[in-house]
Amino acid sequence: MQPISSYFDHALQCMVNVYPSQDAPRRKSRNYTPIKERDEQRRERSARQTRHMNAYDAAVCYGVTQDEAESVPSVMTEFEATLRQERARYNRRKAK
């Protein structure tokens, strides 16, 4: 960029170059997402993460791969029943 003008500043004892002004960079605006839609997206992500974690735990417990644990409903159903029982036991112990 070429300076518009140049002059010598006697107080500072240096040459000063004046450049043209530049526009400030624009902020990227995001589209507004309604709260209900954001909450639904959060719930969906949370449910997906829970399914993956449960499938991982089931894969570790039953010795199958995580993909198999997700695709075979009997493994997930049996594991989720066991998981619910363990959570219920834990909650009963904590309630005492």
N, C-alpha and C. Protein backbone atom coordinates (compact mmCIF):
# COMPACT_ATOMS: atom_id res chain seq x y z
N MET A 1 0.85 -1.16 0.00
CA MET A 1 0.00 0.00 0.00
C MET A 1 0.90 1.24 0.00
N GLN A 2 0.57 2.14 -0.84
CA GLN A 2 1.36 3.37 -0.98
C GLN A 2 0.82 4.46 -0.06
N PRO A 3 1.71 5.23 0.57
CA PRO A 3 1.23 6.33 1.43
C PRO A 3 0.60 7.44 0.60
N ILE A 4 -0.42 8.11 1.21
CA ILE A 4 -1.07 9.24 0.54
C ILE A 4 -0.12 10.43 0.52
N SER A 5 0.49 10.64 1.65
CA SER A 5 1.44 11.76 1.73
C SER A 5 2.53 11.43 2.73
N SER A 6 3.58 12.18 2.68
CA SER A 6 4.70 12.02 3.61
C SER A 6 5.15 13.40 4.05
N TYR A 7 5.58 13.50 5.28
CA TYR A 7 6.13 14.78 5.76
C TYR A 7 7.15 14.49 6.86
N PHE A 8 7.98 15.45 7.11
CA PHE A 8 9.00 15.31 8.14
C PHE A 8 8.49 15.99 9.40
N ASP A 9 8.41 15.25 10.51
CA ASP A 9 7.97 15.79 11.79
C ASP A 9 9.22 16.27 12.53
N HIS A 10 9.29 17.59 12.72
CA HIS A 10 10.48 18.16 13.37
C HIS A 10 10.53 17.84 14.85
N ALA A 11 9.34 17.68 15.50
CA ALA A 11 9.33 17.39 16.94
C ALA A 11 9.86 15.98 17.19
N LEU A 12 9.49 15.04 16.33
CA LEU A 12 9.94 13.65 16.50
C LEU A 12 11.24 13.38 15.75
N GLN A 13 11.61 14.25 14.88
CA GLN A 13 12.82 14.08 14.07
C GLN A 13 12.76 12.80 13.23
N CYS A 14 11.60 12.62 12.56
CA CYS A 14 11.48 11.45 11.69
C CYS A 14 10.50 11.75 10.55
N MET A 15 10.54 10.89 9.55
CA MET A 15 9.65 11.01 8.40
C MET A 15 8.35 10.28 8.72
N VAL A 16 7.21 10.92 8.47
CA VAL A 16 5.90 10.33 8.75
C VAL A 16 5.19 10.07 7.43
N ASN A 17 4.71 8.81 7.26
CA ASN A 17 3.94 8.44 6.08
C ASN A 17 2.47 8.33 6.47
N VAL A 18 1.59 8.93 5.68
CA VAL A 18 0.15 8.88 5.94
C VAL A 18 -0.46 7.93 4.93
N TYR A 19 -1.13 6.90 5.42
CA TYR A 19 -1.75 5.89 4.57
C TYR A 19 -3.26 6.09 4.55
N PRO A 20 -3.94 5.61 3.51
CA PRO A 20 -5.41 5.74 3.47
C PRO A 20 -6.04 4.86 4.55
N SER A 21 -7.21 5.29 5.04
CA SER A 21 -7.88 4.51 6.08
C SER A 21 -8.43 3.22 5.49
N GLN A 22 -8.54 2.22 6.34
CA GLN A 22 -9.05 0.93 5.91
C GLN A 22 -10.32 0.61 6.68
N ASP A 23 -11.21 -0.12 6.04
CA ASP A 23 -12.43 -0.54 6.71
C ASP A 23 -12.08 -1.62 7.73
N ALA A 24 -12.81 -1.59 8.83
CA ALA A 24 -12.62 -2.63 9.85
C ALA A 24 -13.10 -3.96 9.28
N PRO A 25 -12.45 -5.04 9.65
CA PRO A 25 -12.91 -6.34 9.16
C PRO A 25 -14.33 -6.62 9.67
N ARG A 26 -15.16 -7.15 8.81
CA ARG A 26 -16.54 -7.41 9.18
C ARG A 26 -16.64 -8.66 10.04
N ARG A 27 -17.51 -8.58 11.01
CA ARG A 27 -17.76 -9.75 11.84
C ARG A 27 -18.67 -10.71 11.10
N LYS A 28 -18.40 -11.97 11.27
CA LYS A 28 -19.25 -12.97 10.64
C LYS A 28 -20.51 -13.11 11.50
N SER A 29 -21.64 -12.90 10.90
CA SER A 29 -22.88 -13.04 11.65
C SER A 29 -23.44 -14.44 11.42
N ARG A 30 -23.93 -15.01 12.48
CA ARG A 30 -24.54 -16.33 12.39
C ARG A 30 -26.05 -16.16 12.31
N ASN A 31 -26.68 -17.08 11.64
CA ASN A 31 -28.13 -17.05 11.58
C ASN A 31 -28.69 -17.37 12.96
N TYR A 32 -29.79 -16.74 13.29
CA TYR A 32 -30.42 -16.97 14.59
C TYR A 32 -31.06 -18.35 14.61
N THR A 33 -30.78 -19.08 15.67
CA THR A 33 -31.40 -20.39 15.88
C THR A 33 -32.31 -20.29 17.09
N PRO A 34 -33.58 -20.62 16.94
CA PRO A 34 -34.50 -20.52 18.08
C PRO A 34 -34.06 -21.42 19.23
N ILE A 35 -34.43 -21.02 20.43
CA ILE A 35 -34.02 -21.76 21.64
C ILE A 35 -34.54 -23.19 21.60
N LYS A 36 -35.78 -23.38 21.16
CA LYS A 36 -36.34 -24.74 21.09
C LYS A 36 -35.50 -25.62 20.17
N GLU A 37 -35.08 -25.05 19.04
CA GLU A 37 -34.28 -25.82 18.09
C GLU A 37 -32.91 -26.15 18.66
N ARG A 38 -32.30 -25.17 19.35
CA ARG A 38 -30.99 -25.42 19.97
C ARG A 38 -31.10 -26.49 21.05
N ASP A 39 -32.16 -26.41 21.86
CA ASP A 39 -32.35 -27.42 22.91
C ASP A 39 -32.54 -28.81 22.30
N GLU A 40 -33.30 -28.87 21.21
CA GLU A 40 -33.52 -30.15 20.54
C GLU A 40 -32.20 -30.71 20.00
N GLN A 41 -31.37 -29.83 19.42
CA GLN A 41 -30.07 -30.28 18.91
C GLN A 41 -29.19 -30.77 20.05
N ARG A 42 -29.21 -30.07 21.19
CA ARG A 42 -28.43 -30.51 22.36
C ARG A 42 -28.89 -31.86 22.86
N ARG A 43 -30.22 -32.03 22.95
CA ARG A 43 -30.77 -33.33 23.40
C ARG A 43 -30.36 -34.44 22.45
N GLU A 44 -30.42 -34.15 21.16
CA GLU A 44 -30.05 -35.16 20.17
C GLU A 44 -28.58 -35.55 20.29
N ARG A 45 -27.70 -34.54 20.45
CA ARG A 45 -26.26 -34.83 20.62
C ARG A 45 -26.02 -35.63 21.90
N SER A 46 -26.71 -35.26 22.97
CA SER A 46 -26.54 -35.95 24.24
C SER A 46 -27.00 -37.41 24.13
N ALA A 47 -28.15 -37.61 23.49
CA ALA A 47 -28.66 -38.98 23.32
C ALA A 47 -27.72 -39.80 22.46
N ARG A 48 -27.19 -39.19 21.40
CA ARG A 48 -26.24 -39.90 20.52
C ARG A 48 -24.99 -40.28 21.29
N GLN A 49 -24.48 -39.33 22.10
CA GLN A 49 -23.28 -39.61 22.88
C GLN A 49 -23.55 -40.73 23.89
N THR A 50 -24.72 -40.70 24.51
CA THR A 50 -25.08 -41.74 25.48
C THR A 50 -25.14 -43.10 24.80
N ARG A 51 -25.75 -43.14 23.60
CA ARG A 51 -25.82 -44.42 22.88
C ARG A 51 -24.43 -44.95 22.55
N HIS A 52 -23.55 -44.05 22.12
CA HIS A 52 -22.18 -44.48 21.80
C HIS A 52 -21.45 -44.98 23.04
N MET A 53 -21.61 -44.26 24.15
CA MET A 53 -20.94 -44.68 25.38
C MET A 53 -21.50 -46.00 25.88
N ASN A 54 -22.82 -46.18 25.80
CA ASN A 54 -23.42 -47.45 26.21
C ASN A 54 -22.95 -48.58 25.30
N ALA A 55 -22.86 -48.30 24.02
CA ALA A 55 -22.39 -49.33 23.08
C ALA A 55 -20.94 -49.68 23.38
N TYR A 56 -20.14 -48.68 23.73
CA TYR A 56 -18.74 -48.95 24.07
C TYR A 56 -18.66 -49.82 25.32
N ASP A 57 -19.43 -49.45 26.36
CA ASP A 57 -19.43 -50.25 27.59
C ASP A 57 -19.92 -51.66 27.32
N ALA A 58 -20.97 -51.78 26.49
CA ALA A 58 -21.48 -53.11 26.15
C ALA A 58 -20.44 -53.90 25.39
N ALA A 59 -19.72 -53.23 24.50
CA ALA A 59 -18.68 -53.93 23.74
C ALA A 59 -17.59 -54.43 24.66
N VAL A 60 -17.23 -53.63 25.67
CA VAL A 60 -16.20 -54.05 26.62
C VAL A 60 -16.72 -55.21 27.47
N CYS A 61 -17.97 -55.11 27.93
CA CYS A 61 -18.54 -56.15 28.82
C CYS A 61 -18.78 -57.46 28.09
N TYR A 62 -19.30 -57.38 26.85
CA TYR A 62 -19.70 -58.60 26.15
C TYR A 62 -18.68 -59.07 25.12
N GLY A 63 -17.57 -58.35 24.96
CA GLY A 63 -16.52 -58.80 24.08
C GLY A 63 -16.85 -58.71 22.60
N VAL A 64 -17.67 -57.76 22.22
CA VAL A 64 -17.97 -57.54 20.80
C VAL A 64 -17.45 -56.15 20.43
N THR A 65 -17.44 -55.86 19.14
CA THR A 65 -17.00 -54.53 18.73
C THR A 65 -18.10 -53.53 19.02
N GLN A 66 -17.73 -52.28 19.06
CA GLN A 66 -18.71 -51.23 19.36
C GLN A 66 -19.80 -51.17 18.29
N ASP A 67 -19.41 -51.33 17.01
CA ASP A 67 -20.40 -51.32 15.93
C ASP A 67 -21.39 -52.46 16.08
N GLU A 68 -20.89 -53.65 16.45
CA GLU A 68 -21.79 -54.79 16.65
C GLU A 68 -22.72 -54.53 17.82
N ALA A 69 -22.19 -53.93 18.87
CA ALA A 69 -23.02 -53.65 20.04
C ALA A 69 -24.13 -52.67 19.69
N GLU A 70 -23.83 -51.71 18.81
CA GLU A 70 -24.85 -50.76 18.39
C GLU A 70 -25.88 -51.42 17.48
N SER A 71 -25.42 -52.35 16.63
CA SER A 71 -26.32 -52.92 15.62
C SER A 71 -27.15 -54.09 16.15
N VAL A 72 -26.69 -54.77 17.19
CA VAL A 72 -27.43 -55.92 17.72
C VAL A 72 -28.29 -55.45 18.90
N PRO A 73 -29.60 -55.38 18.70
CA PRO A 73 -30.46 -54.84 19.77
C PRO A 73 -30.46 -55.68 21.04
N SER A 74 -30.25 -57.01 20.93
CA SER A 74 -30.30 -57.84 22.13
C SER A 74 -29.16 -57.51 23.08
N VAL A 75 -27.98 -57.20 22.53
CA VAL A 75 -26.83 -56.83 23.37
C VAL A 75 -27.13 -55.53 24.08
N MET A 76 -27.63 -54.55 23.33
CA MET A 76 -27.91 -53.24 23.92
C MET A 76 -29.03 -53.34 24.95
N THR A 77 -30.08 -54.10 24.64
CA THR A 77 -31.20 -54.22 25.57
C THR A 77 -30.75 -54.88 26.86
N GLU A 78 -30.00 -55.97 26.75
CA GLU A 78 -29.50 -56.67 27.95
C GLU A 78 -28.56 -55.77 28.74
N PHE A 79 -27.70 -55.07 28.02
CA PHE A 79 -26.76 -54.18 28.71
C PHE A 79 -27.49 -53.03 29.38
N GLU A 80 -28.46 -52.43 28.69
CA GLU A 80 -29.19 -51.30 29.28
C GLU A 80 -29.99 -51.74 30.50
N ALA A 81 -30.52 -52.95 30.46
CA ALA A 81 -31.24 -53.46 31.64
C ALA A 81 -30.27 -53.61 32.81
N THR A 82 -29.10 -54.17 32.54
CA THR A 82 -28.08 -54.32 33.58
C THR A 82 -27.63 -52.95 34.08
N LEU A 83 -27.46 -52.02 33.16
CA LEU A 83 -27.04 -50.67 33.54
C LEU A 83 -28.09 -49.99 34.42
N ARG A 84 -29.37 -50.15 34.07
CA ARG A 84 -30.45 -49.57 34.89
C ARG A 84 -30.45 -50.17 36.30
N GLN A 85 -30.22 -51.50 36.38
CA GLN A 85 -30.18 -52.14 37.69
C GLN A 85 -29.03 -51.61 38.52
N GLU A 86 -27.87 -51.45 37.91
CA GLU A 86 -26.71 -50.93 38.63
C GLU A 86 -26.94 -49.49 39.09
N ARG A 87 -27.54 -48.70 38.22
CA ARG A 87 -27.84 -47.32 38.62
C ARG A 87 -28.84 -47.28 39.77
N ALA A 88 -29.85 -48.16 39.72
CA ALA A 88 -30.83 -48.21 40.79
C ALA A 88 -30.17 -48.62 42.10
N ARG A 89 -29.28 -49.61 42.06
CA ARG A 89 -28.55 -50.01 43.28
C ARG A 89 -27.71 -48.87 43.82
N TYR A 90 -27.02 -48.19 42.91
CA TYR A 90 -26.18 -47.05 43.32
C TYR A 90 -27.04 -45.96 43.96
N ASN A 91 -28.18 -45.66 43.35
CA ASN A 91 -29.05 -44.61 43.90
C ASN A 91 -29.62 -45.01 45.25
N ARG A 92 -29.94 -46.29 45.41
CA ARG A 92 -30.43 -46.74 46.73
C ARG A 92 -29.37 -46.62 47.80
N ARG A 93 -28.11 -46.98 47.42
CA ARG A 93 -27.01 -46.84 48.40
C ARG A 93 -26.80 -45.38 48.76
N LYS A 94 -26.89 -44.49 47.79
CA LYS A 94 -26.67 -43.06 48.05
C LYS A 94 -27.81 -42.46 48.88
N ALA A 95 -29.01 -43.02 48.74
CA ALA A 95 -30.18 -42.49 49.45
C ALA A 95 -30.10 -42.78 50.94
N LYS A 96 -29.35 -43.81 51.33
CA LYS A 96 -29.26 -44.19 52.75
C LYS A 96 -28.52 -43.19 53.56
